[in-house]
N, C-alpha and C. Protein backbone atom coordinates (compact mmCIF):
# COMPACT_ATOMS: atom_id res chain seq x y z
N MET A 1 11.38 -3.73 -10.91
CA MET A 1 10.05 -3.29 -10.24
C MET A 1 10.03 -2.50 -9.04
N ARG A 2 9.60 -1.98 -9.05
CA ARG A 2 9.95 -0.65 -7.07
C ARG A 2 8.42 -1.50 -6.47
N ILE A 3 8.63 -1.93 -5.07
CA ILE A 3 7.68 -1.82 -4.14
C ILE A 3 7.59 -0.21 -3.21
N SER A 4 6.20 0.45 -3.15
CA SER A 4 6.29 0.81 -2.06
C SER A 4 4.87 0.27 -1.14
N VAL A 5 4.89 1.24 -0.12
CA VAL A 5 3.93 0.69 0.67
C VAL A 5 2.45 2.03 0.75
N ASN A 6 1.70 1.92 0.69
CA ASN A 6 0.48 3.51 1.37
C ASN A 6 -0.23 2.79 2.67
N ILE A 7 -0.68 4.07 3.25
CA ILE A 7 -1.45 2.46 3.92
C ILE A 7 -2.35 4.24 4.75
N VAL A 8 -3.48 4.22 4.33
CA VAL A 8 -4.96 5.13 4.52
C VAL A 8 -5.08 4.48 6.32
N THR A 9 -5.22 5.65 6.83
CA THR A 9 -5.00 5.31 8.50
C THR A 9 -6.49 6.07 8.81
N GLN A 10 -7.11 6.15 10.14
CA GLN A 10 -7.77 6.93 10.46
C GLN A 10 -8.12 6.65 11.87
N ASN A 11 -8.00 6.50 13.32
CA ASN A 11 -7.98 6.73 14.51
C ASN A 11 -8.13 5.29 14.90
N ARG A 12 -6.92 4.67 14.63
CA ARG A 12 -6.91 3.47 15.07
C ARG A 12 -5.08 3.06 14.74
N ALA A 13 -4.59 3.75 16.24
CA ALA A 13 -3.49 3.98 16.23
C ALA A 13 -3.14 2.62 17.13
N ASN A 14 -3.96 1.34 17.68
CA ASN A 14 -3.46 0.66 17.70
C ASN A 14 -3.27 -0.34 16.47
N SER A 15 -4.08 -0.41 16.24
CA SER A 15 -4.29 -1.58 14.74
C SER A 15 -2.77 -0.71 14.35
N LEU A 16 -2.04 0.10 13.48
CA LEU A 16 -2.04 0.87 12.58
C LEU A 16 -0.28 0.85 13.50
N ALA A 17 -0.30 1.08 15.17
CA ALA A 17 1.00 0.35 15.17
C ALA A 17 1.55 -1.12 15.21
N ARG A 18 0.65 -1.97 15.32
CA ARG A 18 0.55 -3.57 15.02
C ARG A 18 1.31 -3.75 13.21
N LEU A 19 0.71 -2.66 12.54
CA LEU A 19 1.06 -2.96 11.11
C LEU A 19 2.20 -2.55 10.69
N LEU A 20 2.82 -1.69 11.89
CA LEU A 20 3.78 -0.12 11.10
C LEU A 20 4.92 -1.52 12.09
N LYS A 21 4.72 -2.30 12.92
CA LYS A 21 5.38 -3.14 13.64
C LYS A 21 5.91 -4.67 12.82
N SER A 22 4.85 -5.08 12.42
CA SER A 22 4.76 -5.40 11.03
C SER A 22 5.99 -5.46 10.01
N LEU A 23 5.95 -4.43 9.47
CA LEU A 23 6.64 -4.58 8.28
C LEU A 23 7.95 -3.61 8.53
N SER A 24 7.61 -2.69 9.12
CA SER A 24 9.62 -2.32 10.27
C SER A 24 10.30 -3.39 9.77
N ASN A 25 9.86 -4.80 11.21
CA ASN A 25 10.88 -6.43 10.73
C ASN A 25 10.54 -7.18 9.61
N ALA A 26 9.82 -7.02 8.72
CA ALA A 26 9.84 -7.28 7.33
C ALA A 26 11.10 -7.47 6.50
N TYR A 27 11.94 -8.29 5.78
CA TYR A 27 13.00 -8.76 5.08
C TYR A 27 12.81 -7.79 3.47
N TYR A 28 13.29 -7.28 3.19
CA TYR A 28 13.29 -6.66 1.63
C TYR A 28 13.99 -6.71 0.65
N LEU A 29 15.04 -7.62 1.65
CA LEU A 29 16.46 -7.82 0.98
C LEU A 29 17.44 -6.62 0.23
N GLY A 30 16.93 -6.23 1.29
CA GLY A 30 18.04 -4.81 1.06
C GLY A 30 18.20 -3.44 0.51
N ASP A 31 16.55 -3.81 -0.68
CA ASP A 31 15.51 -2.62 -1.62
C ASP A 31 15.14 -1.99 -0.18
N GLU A 32 15.13 -0.53 -1.23
CA GLU A 32 14.59 0.65 -0.46
C GLU A 32 13.64 0.62 -1.16
N ILE A 33 12.39 0.60 0.09
CA ILE A 33 10.61 0.40 0.09
C ILE A 33 10.51 1.82 0.55
N PRO A 34 9.93 2.85 -0.17
CA PRO A 34 9.57 3.86 0.33
C PRO A 34 7.63 3.74 0.99
N ILE A 35 7.57 4.21 2.72
CA ILE A 35 6.74 4.25 2.89
C ILE A 35 5.65 5.54 3.01
N THR A 36 4.41 5.26 3.22
CA THR A 36 3.59 6.70 3.03
C THR A 36 2.74 6.57 3.30
N LEU A 37 2.19 7.29 4.27
CA LEU A 37 1.29 7.40 5.91
C LEU A 37 -0.06 8.21 5.32
N ASN A 38 -1.01 8.28 4.37
CA ASN A 38 -2.28 9.29 4.58
C ASN A 38 -3.22 8.77 5.60
N MET A 39 -3.22 10.07 6.10
CA MET A 39 -3.98 10.35 7.56
C MET A 39 -5.47 11.83 6.82
N ASP A 40 -6.81 11.36 7.38
CA ASP A 40 -8.14 12.32 7.23
C ASP A 40 -7.30 13.33 8.23
N SER A 41 -8.39 14.46 7.92
CA SER A 41 -8.26 15.99 9.06
C SER A 41 -8.46 15.67 10.11
N LYS A 42 -9.54 15.04 10.66
CA LYS A 42 -9.89 14.37 11.82
C LYS A 42 -9.49 13.38 12.57
N GLU A 43 -7.78 13.09 12.23
CA GLU A 43 -7.22 12.14 12.79
C GLU A 43 -6.54 12.20 14.78
N ASP A 44 -6.64 10.98 15.07
CA ASP A 44 -6.91 11.55 16.62
C ASP A 44 -4.91 11.25 17.22
N GLU A 45 -5.19 12.17 18.37
CA GLU A 45 -3.86 12.82 18.65
C GLU A 45 -2.88 11.67 18.76
N ALA A 46 -3.43 10.46 19.22
CA ALA A 46 -2.01 9.31 19.04
C ALA A 46 -1.97 8.12 18.26
N THR A 47 -2.96 8.52 16.62
CA THR A 47 -2.34 7.90 15.45
C THR A 47 -1.31 9.41 14.83
N ILE A 48 -1.46 11.03 15.36
CA ILE A 48 -0.26 11.37 14.99
C ILE A 48 0.90 11.48 15.40
N ARG A 49 0.71 11.45 16.44
CA ARG A 49 1.86 10.60 17.70
C ARG A 49 2.73 9.77 17.11
N LEU A 50 1.87 8.93 16.76
CA LEU A 50 3.07 7.57 16.12
C LEU A 50 2.97 8.02 14.71
N VAL A 51 2.39 7.68 14.24
CA VAL A 51 3.33 7.66 12.72
C VAL A 51 4.73 9.50 12.67
N GLY A 52 4.10 10.64 13.73
CA GLY A 52 5.53 11.37 14.14
C GLY A 52 6.49 11.17 14.16
N SER A 53 6.42 9.63 15.00
CA SER A 53 7.75 9.10 15.79
C SER A 53 8.04 7.97 15.21
N PHE A 54 7.13 7.63 14.20
CA PHE A 54 7.60 6.36 13.74
C PHE A 54 9.16 6.33 12.69
N ASP A 55 10.06 5.08 12.87
CA ASP A 55 11.33 5.66 11.90
C ASP A 55 10.64 4.52 11.34
N TRP A 56 11.13 4.31 9.67
CA TRP A 56 10.89 3.77 8.93
C TRP A 56 12.69 3.49 7.98
N PRO A 57 13.41 2.22 8.42
CA PRO A 57 14.46 1.85 8.16
C PRO A 57 14.47 1.59 6.98
N HIS A 58 13.95 1.38 6.27
CA HIS A 58 13.33 0.21 4.76
C HIS A 58 13.77 1.74 3.72
N GLY A 59 14.11 2.98 4.05
CA GLY A 59 13.70 4.17 3.04
C GLY A 59 12.90 5.06 3.26
N PRO A 60 12.48 6.27 2.65
CA PRO A 60 12.15 7.41 2.02
C PRO A 60 10.68 7.51 3.71
N LYS A 61 9.91 7.63 4.49
CA LYS A 61 9.00 8.26 4.78
C LYS A 61 8.39 9.65 4.57
N THR A 62 6.53 9.74 4.16
CA THR A 62 6.19 10.51 3.75
C THR A 62 4.77 10.22 4.30
N LEU A 63 4.91 11.28 5.03
CA LEU A 63 3.33 11.91 6.24
C LEU A 63 2.17 12.38 5.17
N ARG A 64 1.06 12.23 4.49
CA ARG A 64 0.26 13.25 3.76
C ARG A 64 -0.79 13.00 5.57
N ARG A 65 -2.03 14.71 5.11
CA ARG A 65 -2.40 14.71 6.65
C ARG A 65 -3.70 16.20 5.61
N ARG A 66 -5.39 15.32 5.28
CA ARG A 66 -5.88 15.97 4.33
C ARG A 66 -6.06 17.30 5.05
N ILE A 67 -6.83 18.23 4.63
CA ILE A 67 -7.22 19.66 5.53
C ILE A 67 -8.83 19.51 5.67
N ILE A 68 -9.40 19.19 4.69
CA ILE A 68 -10.88 18.89 4.90
C ILE A 68 -11.39 17.35 4.94
N GLN A 69 -12.18 16.83 5.22
CA GLN A 69 -12.70 15.95 6.05
C GLN A 69 -12.53 14.96 5.01
N GLY A 70 -12.57 13.95 4.34
CA GLY A 70 -12.98 13.47 3.06
C GLY A 70 -13.71 12.06 3.13
N GLY A 71 -13.20 10.70 4.61
CA GLY A 71 -13.62 9.66 3.97
C GLY A 71 -13.20 8.91 3.44
N LEU A 72 -13.39 7.57 3.01
CA LEU A 72 -12.71 6.47 2.90
C LEU A 72 -12.67 6.26 1.19
N ILE A 73 -13.77 6.37 0.41
CA ILE A 73 -13.41 6.42 -1.34
C ILE A 73 -12.26 8.21 -0.98
N ARG A 74 -12.26 9.14 -0.79
CA ARG A 74 -11.02 10.12 -1.01
C ARG A 74 -9.98 9.51 -0.78
N ALA A 75 -9.96 8.85 0.37
CA ALA A 75 -8.23 8.33 1.22
C ALA A 75 -7.64 7.41 -0.01
N VAL A 76 -8.28 6.63 -0.39
CA VAL A 76 -7.74 5.79 -1.01
C VAL A 76 -7.85 6.21 -2.26
N SER A 77 -8.42 6.89 -2.69
CA SER A 77 -8.13 7.51 -4.69
C SER A 77 -7.06 8.32 -4.03
N GLU A 78 -6.74 9.29 -2.97
CA GLU A 78 -5.58 9.68 -3.62
C GLU A 78 -4.08 9.78 -2.40
N SER A 79 -4.73 8.40 -1.54
CA SER A 79 -3.53 7.98 -1.71
C SER A 79 -2.21 7.70 -2.43
N TRP A 80 -2.46 7.16 -4.05
CA TRP A 80 -1.74 7.06 -4.91
C TRP A 80 -1.35 8.55 -5.29
N TYR A 81 -0.18 8.70 -5.33
CA TYR A 81 0.61 9.62 -6.42
C TYR A 81 1.44 8.62 -7.75
N PRO A 82 1.26 8.99 -9.16
CA PRO A 82 2.10 9.02 -9.72
C PRO A 82 3.40 9.48 -9.70
N SER A 83 4.63 8.69 -9.83
CA SER A 83 6.33 9.03 -9.50
C SER A 83 6.38 9.28 -10.68
N GLU A 84 6.20 9.15 -11.91
CA GLU A 84 6.96 9.69 -13.32
C GLU A 84 5.68 10.11 -13.78
N LEU A 85 5.68 10.04 -15.25
CA LEU A 85 4.17 10.28 -16.24
C LEU A 85 3.68 8.69 -17.10
N VAL A 86 4.88 8.04 -16.94
CA VAL A 86 4.75 7.06 -17.37
C VAL A 86 4.55 5.63 -15.71
N SER A 87 3.46 6.09 -14.92
CA SER A 87 3.62 4.65 -14.05
C SER A 87 1.76 4.68 -13.50
N SER A 88 1.82 3.27 -13.11
CA SER A 88 0.73 2.48 -12.88
C SER A 88 0.45 2.01 -11.92
N ALA A 89 -0.50 2.20 -11.33
CA ALA A 89 -0.94 1.47 -9.49
C ALA A 89 -1.40 0.27 -9.67
């Protein structure tokens, strides 16, 4: 089983910083854990700086930002991308 972390965020830099710190400090048994941060188009500068400077030592980091404001439902539904043809959420 592969584990990945997908985070949907908008304009909550302080809360996001606490979450990212907790995730970074967690022990993953040496496994590679990809992390994806999904942001809406109207993200504040503090959050953009935070995700841009965030170092994820446990695997690849992907940043996604919508071009058009989508809202929470779209952000959540678009945060999952299948990694292969036979994949489930």
